[in-house]
């Protein structure tokens, strides 16, 4: 049995592997007496249609067909400028070659798994083989929540676009639903129950088995001990003199009454993983430092920068000229600025998410994963190509009150102060994140269903339209 996975972006590649890895471990047994036309083992391959598929290579999943990194990184649906750049870099030629590779694979292949949006779904259809679709890019929460349609808050002309969204009754457009409803579409998985229900009302047999984004985020605990000294309040004052105004002078930094009521606050910094955009995002996030210090003058702030290993630490440090490096035995670069302590962490991504109380984010998947842990993410859109204002707006609709868009770094401190003083909002953030992103285990749940589908292919697979 041969399965080809088609995905369109690094995040989608990772999500696909959250399904493929448990599926490979299950190793469905295609017994000859049950399906004599099929091989008795599962042979996986992949075609990453945006990017070079390094995640697949690291997981020993062979790549079928040509791959190429494009300037947009696959984020084309909201920028004609990025589309034009990709076209100049050979997007059309690459697409033709990839479709040719899919059809060549289909001559001996059995089934296609499409992960992402309409592009891998269309490619799966063009293969002529049966296919399974895991839709990661769209959610009905773009348009409505459990109470009904969302109000339109944008000004013209954005308000006109908002009115047109959902014109066909779903966030998934008619041509996408047509591809979902073909006989060869054996299973359809969407990211949340609201989206599944809306598609079901339109006659599409969609289901939600959870969101694979939340898999693999277990904390190792390696940061807990490291952060413990930073989270301990300084010692009580040691009085050695009385100042002329009658106040005590201390020989060391000590806890004031206000500090006693304001224990250290830990923030995750999530600049994204794509260079050079991540470096621009990093600059904007760092620009929020004065705002944070001003808004929390009596509260130590610990900033955990979750940095992708692919990014250059040298490039990141060039933006830290007004921070003070701290010689330390800790395994991470450490800097301070006033009451802020910054740690640059490249090998403990999940731990950063778990240890942080809230996040400042300019990322896609990382923001959603953080919110899925029941925590607030402040997002700071920029020029892109990924994390633009348009992208951030859609993301905020999808994640609801768990995300707060801020357009100016100077506004981050006051925004955090307001939200942290609103217990009702904090409870809503927790509930919303858990509800919309789901619990871990979705990858294995989807893999189990795919395994059953593969086992029930008991007659030669025929091409259908």
Protein backbone atom coordinates (compact mmCIF):
# COMPACT_ATOMS: atom_id res chain seq x y z
CA UNK A 1 0.00 0.00 0.00
CA UNK A 2 1.49 3.31 -1.11
CA UNK A 3 0.41 6.62 0.44
CA UNK A 4 1.52 10.05 -0.78
CA UNK A 5 1.20 13.04 1.55
CA UNK A 6 0.87 16.46 -0.12
CA UNK A 7 1.23 19.57 2.06
CA UNK A 8 1.85 23.25 1.38
CA UNK A 9 4.02 24.90 3.98
CA UNK A 10 6.43 24.13 6.81
CA UNK A 11 3.63 24.22 9.39
CA UNK A 12 1.53 21.87 7.28
CA UNK A 13 4.53 19.55 6.84
CA UNK A 14 4.86 19.31 10.62
CA UNK A 15 1.13 18.69 11.07
CA UNK A 16 1.25 15.97 8.41
CA UNK A 17 4.07 14.25 10.27
CA UNK A 18 1.97 14.29 13.45
CA UNK A 19 -0.32 11.95 11.49
CA UNK A 20 2.23 10.00 9.46
CA UNK A 21 4.46 9.05 12.39
CA UNK A 22 1.75 7.24 14.40
CA UNK A 23 0.36 5.79 11.16
CA UNK A 24 3.77 4.34 10.37
CA UNK A 25 4.02 2.93 13.90
CA UNK A 26 0.63 1.28 13.53
CA UNK A 27 1.82 -0.45 10.33
CA UNK A 28 -1.63 -1.57 9.14
CA UNK A 29 -1.57 -5.22 8.09
CA UNK A 30 -2.95 -5.55 4.58
CA UNK A 31 -3.37 -9.32 4.65
CA UNK A 32 -3.33 -10.96 1.20
CA UNK A 33 -6.63 -12.75 1.84
CA UNK A 34 -8.26 -9.43 2.75
CA UNK A 35 -6.91 -7.31 -0.09
CA UNK A 36 -4.83 -9.50 -2.39
CA UNK A 37 -4.13 -6.69 -4.86
CA UNK A 38 -2.31 -4.63 -2.20
CA UNK A 39 1.18 -4.92 -0.77
CA UNK A 40 1.25 -6.05 2.87
CA UNK A 41 3.16 -3.01 4.16
CA UNK A 42 2.65 0.76 4.15
CA UNK A 43 5.01 2.79 1.98
CA UNK A 44 4.97 6.51 2.77
CA UNK A 45 6.20 9.36 0.59
CA UNK A 46 5.60 13.10 0.53
CA UNK A 47 5.45 16.10 -1.76
CA UNK A 48 5.88 19.44 0.03
CA UNK A 49 4.60 21.90 -2.56
CA UNK A 50 5.81 24.98 -0.62
CA UNK A 51 9.32 24.83 0.76
CA UNK A 52 11.93 22.10 0.64
CA UNK A 53 10.37 19.63 3.06
CA UNK A 54 13.18 19.45 5.60
CA UNK A 55 10.75 18.14 8.22
CA UNK A 56 9.96 15.14 6.01
CA UNK A 57 13.65 14.47 5.38
CA UNK A 58 14.36 14.55 9.10
CA UNK A 59 11.60 11.98 9.63
CA UNK A 60 12.93 9.69 6.86
CA UNK A 61 9.88 10.19 4.65
CA UNK A 62 11.11 10.21 1.02
CA UNK A 63 10.13 13.16 -1.15
CA UNK A 64 8.53 12.63 -4.54
CA UNK A 65 9.04 15.29 -7.21
CA UNK A 66 10.75 18.70 -7.31
CA UNK A 67 10.74 21.12 -4.37
CA UNK A 68 11.83 24.74 -4.14
CA UNK A 69 11.68 27.47 -1.50
CA UNK A 70 9.76 30.48 -2.78
CA UNK A 71 10.09 34.09 -1.53
CA UNK A 72 6.57 34.02 -0.09
CA UNK A 73 7.10 30.80 1.84
CA UNK A 74 3.73 29.69 0.51
CA UNK A 75 1.74 32.66 1.87
CA UNK A 76 0.13 33.76 -1.37
CA UNK A 77 -3.57 34.00 -0.67
CA UNK A 78 -3.47 37.55 0.71
CA UNK A 79 -0.73 39.25 -1.30
CA UNK A 80 -0.56 39.82 -5.04
CA UNK A 81 2.94 41.21 -4.51
CA UNK A 82 4.16 37.92 -3.05
CA UNK A 83 2.45 36.01 -5.85
CA UNK A 84 4.28 38.13 -8.42
CA UNK A 85 7.61 37.48 -6.69
CA UNK A 86 6.99 33.74 -6.70
CA UNK A 87 5.99 33.82 -10.36
CA UNK A 88 9.30 35.48 -11.20
CA UNK A 89 11.08 32.71 -9.31
CA UNK A 90 9.44 29.99 -11.42
CA UNK A 91 6.25 29.13 -9.53
CA UNK A 92 4.33 28.06 -12.65
CA UNK A 93 7.10 25.79 -13.85
CA UNK A 94 7.46 24.27 -10.39
CA UNK A 95 3.70 23.66 -10.14
CA UNK A 96 3.58 21.92 -13.52
CA UNK A 97 6.52 19.72 -12.55
CA UNK A 98 4.92 18.82 -9.23
CA UNK A 99 1.62 17.84 -10.86
CA UNK A 100 3.56 15.71 -13.34
CA UNK A 101 5.35 14.02 -10.43
CA UNK A 102 2.05 13.32 -8.67
CA UNK A 103 0.56 11.71 -11.76
CA UNK A 104 3.70 9.61 -12.23
CA UNK A 105 3.45 8.44 -8.61
CA UNK A 106 -0.26 7.66 -9.08
CA UNK A 107 0.52 5.02 -11.72
CA UNK A 108 1.61 2.69 -8.92
CA UNK A 109 0.34 4.60 -5.85
CA UNK A 110 -2.84 3.88 -3.94
CA UNK A 111 -4.06 6.84 -1.87
CA UNK A 112 -3.23 10.52 -1.23
CA UNK A 113 -3.31 12.44 2.05
CA UNK A 114 -3.70 16.20 1.48
CA UNK A 115 -2.86 18.52 4.40
CA UNK A 116 -3.42 22.27 4.29
CA UNK A 117 -5.81 24.21 2.05
CA UNK A 118 -7.33 23.99 -1.41
CA UNK A 119 -3.97 23.62 -3.19
CA UNK A 120 -2.99 20.18 -1.82
CA UNK A 121 -6.68 19.22 -2.00
CA UNK A 122 -6.73 20.08 -5.72
CA UNK A 123 -3.46 18.24 -6.31
CA UNK A 124 -4.91 15.18 -4.57
CA UNK A 125 -7.93 15.31 -6.86
CA UNK A 126 -5.71 15.66 -9.95
CA UNK A 127 -3.81 12.52 -8.95
CA UNK A 128 -6.79 10.41 -9.96
CA UNK A 129 -6.42 8.34 -6.77
CA UNK A 130 -8.63 8.22 -3.67
CA UNK A 131 -7.74 10.92 -1.18
CA UNK A 132 -8.12 12.06 2.41
CA UNK A 133 -8.13 15.77 3.30
CA UNK A 134 -6.98 17.37 6.56
CA UNK A 135 -8.00 21.03 6.39
CA UNK A 136 -5.74 23.11 8.64
CA UNK A 137 -6.02 26.59 7.14
CA UNK A 138 -9.69 27.47 7.55
CA UNK A 139 -12.15 27.64 10.41
CA UNK A 140 -15.78 28.63 10.61
CA UNK A 141 -14.75 30.86 13.52
CA UNK A 142 -13.62 33.30 10.82
CA UNK A 143 -17.30 34.03 10.25
CA UNK A 144 -19.25 33.00 13.35
CA UNK A 145 -19.05 31.53 16.81
CA UNK A 146 -21.49 29.36 18.73
CA UNK A 147 -23.85 32.34 19.15
CA UNK A 148 -24.06 33.26 15.47
CA UNK A 149 -22.36 35.46 12.87
CA UNK A 150 -19.62 37.78 14.05
CA UNK A 151 -20.28 41.54 13.88
CA UNK A 152 -18.38 43.51 11.25
CA UNK A 153 -16.01 45.91 12.99
CA UNK A 154 -13.73 46.96 10.13
CA UNK A 155 -13.98 50.29 8.35
CA UNK A 156 -14.62 50.57 4.60
CA UNK A 157 -13.32 49.00 2.35
CA UNK A 158 -12.41 46.14 4.70
CA UNK A 159 -16.02 46.07 5.89
CA UNK A 160 -17.19 45.31 2.34
CA UNK A 161 -14.82 42.34 2.13
CA UNK A 162 -16.07 41.15 5.52
CA UNK A 163 -19.66 41.28 4.28
CA UNK A 164 -18.75 39.12 1.28
CA UNK A 165 -16.99 36.49 3.40
CA UNK A 166 -19.17 33.48 3.91
CA UNK A 167 -21.45 34.37 1.00
CA UNK A 168 -21.76 30.69 0.13
CA UNK A 169 -22.78 29.56 3.61
CA UNK A 170 -19.37 28.43 4.82
CA UNK A 171 -15.78 29.55 5.12
CA UNK A 172 -15.07 26.75 2.65
CA UNK A 173 -16.06 28.01 -0.80
CA UNK A 174 -18.21 26.05 -3.29
CA UNK A 175 -15.26 24.82 -5.37
CA UNK A 176 -13.53 23.59 -2.21
CA UNK A 177 -16.68 21.79 -1.13
CA UNK A 178 -16.97 20.27 -4.60
CA UNK A 179 -13.53 18.72 -4.18
CA UNK A 180 -14.54 17.51 -0.73
CA UNK A 181 -17.67 15.81 -2.02
CA UNK A 182 -16.14 13.65 -4.77
CA UNK A 183 -16.48 9.88 -4.48
CA UNK A 184 -12.72 9.59 -4.23
CA UNK A 185 -12.70 11.79 -1.11
CA UNK A 186 -12.73 9.02 1.49
CA UNK A 187 -12.46 11.17 4.63
CA UNK A 188 -12.45 14.88 5.52
CA UNK A 189 -11.00 16.23 8.76
CA UNK A 190 -11.35 19.89 9.79
CA UNK A 191 -9.81 21.74 12.70
CA UNK A 192 -12.81 22.28 15.00
CA UNK A 193 -16.34 21.08 15.68
CA UNK A 194 -17.99 24.32 14.56
CA UNK A 195 -16.47 23.98 11.08
CA UNK A 196 -17.42 20.30 10.87
CA UNK A 197 -21.01 21.05 11.85
CA UNK A 198 -21.39 23.86 9.31
CA UNK A 199 -20.08 21.66 6.49
CA UNK A 200 -22.39 18.85 7.56
CA UNK A 201 -25.39 21.18 7.21
CA UNK A 202 -24.25 21.69 3.59
CA UNK A 203 -24.07 17.97 2.89
CA UNK A 204 -20.31 17.54 3.35
CA UNK A 205 -19.30 14.55 5.50
CA UNK A 206 -16.66 16.45 7.47
CA UNK A 207 -15.53 15.51 10.94
CA UNK A 208 -13.26 16.87 13.65
CA UNK A 209 -10.86 14.51 15.36
CA UNK A 210 -9.00 17.36 17.04
CA UNK A 211 -6.19 19.63 15.92
CA UNK A 212 -2.77 17.97 15.37
CA UNK A 213 -1.12 21.33 16.13
CA UNK A 214 -1.56 20.55 19.82
CA UNK A 215 0.34 17.26 19.62
CA UNK A 216 3.95 17.00 20.74
CA UNK A 217 3.87 20.01 23.08
CA UNK A 218 4.70 18.14 26.27
CA UNK A 219 6.93 20.09 28.63
CA UNK A 220 10.24 18.42 29.46
CA UNK A 221 10.65 20.51 32.59
CA UNK A 222 14.17 21.56 31.64
CA UNK A 223 13.38 25.27 32.02
CA UNK A 224 11.60 24.98 35.36
CA UNK A 225 14.74 24.61 37.46
CA UNK A 226 16.60 27.12 35.30
CA UNK A 227 13.96 29.80 35.87
CA UNK A 228 13.50 29.17 39.58
CA UNK A 229 16.22 31.64 40.70
CA UNK A 230 14.82 34.31 38.39
CA UNK A 231 11.35 33.84 39.84
CA UNK A 232 12.46 34.14 43.45
CA UNK A 233 11.90 37.57 44.91
CA UNK A 234 15.02 39.39 46.15
CA UNK A 235 15.82 39.29 49.88
CA UNK A 236 14.29 41.60 52.44
CA UNK A 237 16.02 44.97 52.92
CA UNK A 238 19.20 45.17 54.93
CA UNK A 239 19.10 48.59 56.55
CA UNK A 240 22.44 50.29 57.07
CA UNK A 241 21.46 53.93 57.30
CA UNK A 242 18.60 56.37 57.45
CA UNK A 243 18.41 58.87 54.64
CA UNK A 244 17.84 62.57 55.44
CA UNK A 245 14.21 62.30 54.41
CA UNK A 246 13.69 59.53 56.95
CA UNK A 247 13.55 56.63 54.53
CA UNK A 248 15.65 53.52 54.93
CA UNK A 249 18.62 52.88 52.65
CA UNK A 250 19.36 49.29 51.72
CA UNK A 251 22.66 47.66 50.85
CA UNK A 252 21.05 45.45 48.16
CA UNK A 253 18.04 45.30 45.89
CA UNK A 254 15.05 44.33 47.99
CA UNK A 255 11.36 43.67 47.77
CA UNK A 256 9.08 46.65 48.11
CA UNK A 257 5.49 46.18 49.28
CA UNK A 258 4.34 46.64 45.69
CA UNK A 259 6.75 43.94 44.50
CA UNK A 260 5.39 41.55 47.11
CA UNK A 261 1.98 41.89 45.48
CA UNK A 262 3.43 41.53 41.96
CA UNK A 263 5.46 38.33 41.53
CA UNK A 264 7.55 37.86 38.38
CA UNK A 265 5.65 37.60 35.11
CA UNK A 266 6.93 35.32 32.33
CA UNK A 267 6.33 36.16 28.66
CA UNK A 268 7.08 34.04 25.60
CA UNK A 269 8.43 35.93 22.59
CA UNK A 270 7.42 34.21 19.35
CA UNK A 271 8.95 35.99 16.32
CA UNK A 272 8.29 33.19 13.82
CA UNK A 273 10.74 30.91 12.07
CA UNK A 274 11.13 32.31 8.54
CA UNK A 275 14.09 34.54 7.73
CA UNK A 276 14.32 37.41 6.98
CA UNK A 277 10.81 38.18 8.25
CA UNK A 278 11.58 36.76 11.70
CA UNK A 279 14.38 39.32 12.20
CA UNK A 280 12.01 42.18 11.40
CA UNK A 281 9.45 40.68 13.77
CA UNK A 282 12.14 40.41 16.44
CA UNK A 283 12.88 44.13 16.18
CA UNK A 284 9.21 45.04 16.60
CA UNK A 285 8.83 42.75 19.61
CA UNK A 286 11.93 44.23 21.28
CA UNK A 287 10.50 47.70 20.69
CA UNK A 288 7.84 46.81 23.28
CA UNK A 289 10.44 46.64 26.09
CA UNK A 290 10.06 50.29 27.27
CA UNK A 291 6.29 49.89 27.30
CA UNK A 292 6.55 46.75 29.43
CA UNK A 293 8.95 48.37 31.90
CA UNK A 294 6.76 51.44 32.23
CA UNK A 295 3.56 49.43 32.72
CA UNK A 296 5.10 46.97 35.22
CA UNK A 297 7.68 49.07 37.13
CA UNK A 298 7.51 46.94 40.28
CA UNK A 299 7.26 43.55 38.63
CA UNK A 300 10.21 41.51 37.35
CA UNK A 301 9.53 40.37 33.79
CA UNK A 302 11.14 37.22 32.35
CA UNK A 303 11.15 37.08 28.54
CA UNK A 304 11.62 33.65 26.96
CA UNK A 305 12.51 34.09 23.29
CA UNK A 306 11.57 30.83 21.55
CA UNK A 307 13.93 30.95 18.58
CA UNK A 308 13.92 28.50 15.67
CA UNK A 309 17.31 26.77 15.29
CA UNK A 310 17.38 27.88 11.65
CA UNK A 311 17.67 31.56 12.66
CA UNK A 312 21.02 33.28 13.17
CA UNK A 313 21.82 34.16 16.78
CA UNK A 314 24.28 36.74 15.49
CA UNK A 315 21.49 38.49 13.59
CA UNK A 316 19.28 38.45 16.67
CA UNK A 317 22.00 39.83 18.93
CA UNK A 318 22.67 42.78 16.62
CA UNK A 319 19.21 44.05 17.64
CA UNK A 320 20.17 43.95 21.35
CA UNK A 321 22.58 46.90 21.47
CA UNK A 322 20.61 48.58 24.27
CA UNK A 323 20.42 45.38 26.34
CA UNK A 324 23.12 44.29 28.80
CA UNK A 325 24.63 40.81 28.34
CA UNK A 326 24.79 38.79 31.55
CA UNK A 327 27.68 36.35 32.11
CA UNK A 328 25.97 33.25 33.44
CA UNK A 329 26.34 29.52 33.76
CA UNK A 330 22.91 29.14 32.18
CA UNK A 331 23.01 27.41 28.78
CA UNK A 332 21.17 30.29 27.10
CA UNK A 333 22.23 33.78 26.11
CA UNK A 334 20.89 36.14 28.77
CA UNK A 335 20.38 39.91 28.68
CA UNK A 336 18.82 42.47 30.99
CA UNK A 337 17.23 45.88 30.60
CA UNK A 338 15.87 47.42 33.78
CA UNK A 339 13.44 44.94 35.32
CA UNK A 340 13.43 42.78 32.16
CA UNK A 341 15.46 39.58 31.82
CA UNK A 342 15.68 38.09 28.32
CA UNK A 343 16.70 34.51 27.58
CA UNK A 344 17.28 33.37 23.99
CA UNK A 345 16.25 29.71 23.79
CA UNK A 346 16.72 27.52 20.72
CA UNK A 347 16.13 23.99 22.00
CA UNK A 348 13.15 24.09 24.36
CA UNK A 349 10.24 25.42 22.32
CA UNK A 350 7.47 23.48 24.11
CA UNK A 351 8.90 24.40 27.51
CA UNK A 352 8.80 28.10 26.58
CA UNK A 353 5.10 27.81 25.81
CA UNK A 354 4.33 25.99 29.05
CA UNK A 355 6.46 28.22 31.30
CA UNK A 356 5.11 31.52 29.96
CA UNK A 357 2.07 33.27 31.38
CA UNK A 358 1.36 35.07 28.09
CA UNK A 359 3.02 35.72 24.74
CA UNK A 360 3.96 38.49 22.35
CA UNK A 361 3.71 36.83 18.96
CA UNK A 362 4.27 37.46 15.27
CA UNK A 363 3.79 33.85 14.22
CA UNK A 364 1.17 31.52 12.82
CA UNK A 365 1.34 28.02 14.27
CA UNK A 366 3.20 29.06 17.44
CA UNK A 367 0.49 31.58 18.32
CA UNK A 368 -2.25 29.00 17.86
CA UNK A 369 -0.39 26.44 19.96
CA UNK A 370 0.15 28.96 22.76
CA UNK A 371 -3.53 29.90 22.76
CA UNK A 372 -4.41 26.19 22.79
CA UNK A 373 -2.74 25.97 26.20
CA UNK A 374 -5.36 28.40 27.48
CA UNK A 375 -3.19 31.53 27.42
CA UNK A 376 -3.32 35.04 26.00
CA UNK A 377 -1.30 35.99 22.93
CA UNK A 378 -0.67 39.63 22.04
CA UNK A 379 -0.02 39.77 18.30
CA UNK A 380 1.92 42.47 16.49
CA UNK A 381 1.36 42.41 12.70
CA UNK A 382 4.01 43.71 10.34
CA UNK A 383 4.95 43.93 6.65
CA UNK A 384 5.04 40.16 6.14
CA UNK A 385 5.00 38.22 3.91
CA UNK A 386 3.38 35.95 6.50
CA UNK A 387 2.36 37.88 9.58
CA UNK A 388 0.59 40.82 7.97
CA UNK A 389 -2.36 42.77 9.33
CA UNK A 390 -4.67 40.69 7.14
CA UNK A 391 -3.21 37.41 8.44
CA UNK A 392 -3.38 38.61 12.05
CA UNK A 393 -7.01 39.68 11.64
CA UNK A 394 -8.06 36.27 10.34
CA UNK A 395 -6.08 34.57 13.10
CA UNK A 396 -7.76 36.74 15.74
CA UNK A 397 -11.19 35.81 14.40
CA UNK A 398 -10.26 32.14 14.52
CA UNK A 399 -8.93 32.29 18.08
CA UNK A 400 -11.41 34.81 19.48
CA UNK A 401 -10.74 36.62 22.78
CA UNK A 402 -7.56 34.58 23.37
CA UNK A 403 -5.77 36.87 20.89
CA UNK A 404 -5.40 40.64 21.14
CA UNK A 405 -4.00 42.48 18.13
CA UNK A 406 -1.78 45.48 18.94
CA UNK A 407 -0.50 47.64 16.09
CA UNK A 408 2.08 49.70 17.99
CA UNK A 409 4.70 48.15 20.31
CA UNK A 410 4.19 51.09 22.69
CA UNK A 411 0.63 49.88 23.33
CA UNK A 412 1.60 46.40 24.51
CA UNK A 413 2.27 47.30 28.15
CA UNK A 414 -1.03 49.14 28.76
CA UNK A 415 -2.92 46.43 26.87
CA UNK A 416 -1.46 43.70 29.08
CA UNK A 417 -2.19 45.68 32.23
CA UNK A 418 -5.83 46.06 31.25
CA UNK A 419 -6.31 42.37 30.40
CA UNK A 420 -4.47 41.05 33.47
CA UNK A 421 -6.79 43.14 35.65
CA UNK A 422 -9.87 41.56 34.04
CA UNK A 423 -10.44 38.10 35.62
CA UNK A 424 -13.51 37.46 33.46
CA UNK A 425 -11.45 37.99 30.30
CA UNK A 426 -8.71 35.70 31.62
CA UNK A 427 -11.21 32.92 32.28
CA UNK A 428 -12.70 33.41 28.81
CA UNK A 429 -9.21 33.24 27.28
CA UNK A 430 -8.57 29.90 28.98
CA UNK A 431 -11.91 28.42 27.92
CA UNK A 432 -11.70 29.72 24.35
CA UNK A 433 -8.19 28.45 23.73
CA UNK A 434 -8.97 24.97 24.99
CA UNK A 435 -12.25 24.79 23.06
CA UNK A 436 -11.05 26.07 19.70
CA UNK A 437 -7.69 24.28 19.57
CA UNK A 438 -8.64 21.03 21.30
CA UNK A 439 -6.67 18.54 23.35
CA UNK A 440 -3.51 16.68 22.30
CA UNK A 441 -3.84 13.37 20.49
CA UNK A 442 -5.49 14.43 17.23
CA UNK A 443 -2.66 13.13 15.05
CA UNK A 444 -2.99 9.62 16.45
CA UNK A 445 -6.79 9.78 16.25
CA UNK A 446 -6.67 10.73 12.56
CA UNK A 447 -4.00 8.09 11.93
CA UNK A 448 -6.24 5.40 13.43
CA UNK A 449 -9.08 6.36 11.11
CA UNK A 450 -6.76 6.41 8.10
CA UNK A 451 -5.50 2.97 9.12
CA UNK A 452 -9.05 1.64 9.09
CA UNK A 453 -9.71 3.21 5.69
CA UNK A 454 -6.61 1.56 4.27
CA UNK A 455 -7.65 -1.81 5.66
CA UNK A 456 -11.12 -1.59 4.14
CA UNK A 457 -9.86 -1.01 0.61
CA UNK A 458 -10.70 -4.61 -0.20
CA UNK A 459 -11.22 -4.26 -3.93
CA UNK A 460 -8.86 -2.84 -6.58
CA UNK A 461 -8.86 0.94 -6.34
CA UNK A 462 -10.64 2.39 -9.33
CA UNK A 463 -10.40 5.90 -10.71
CA UNK A 464 -13.62 7.82 -10.18
CA UNK A 465 -14.54 11.38 -11.01
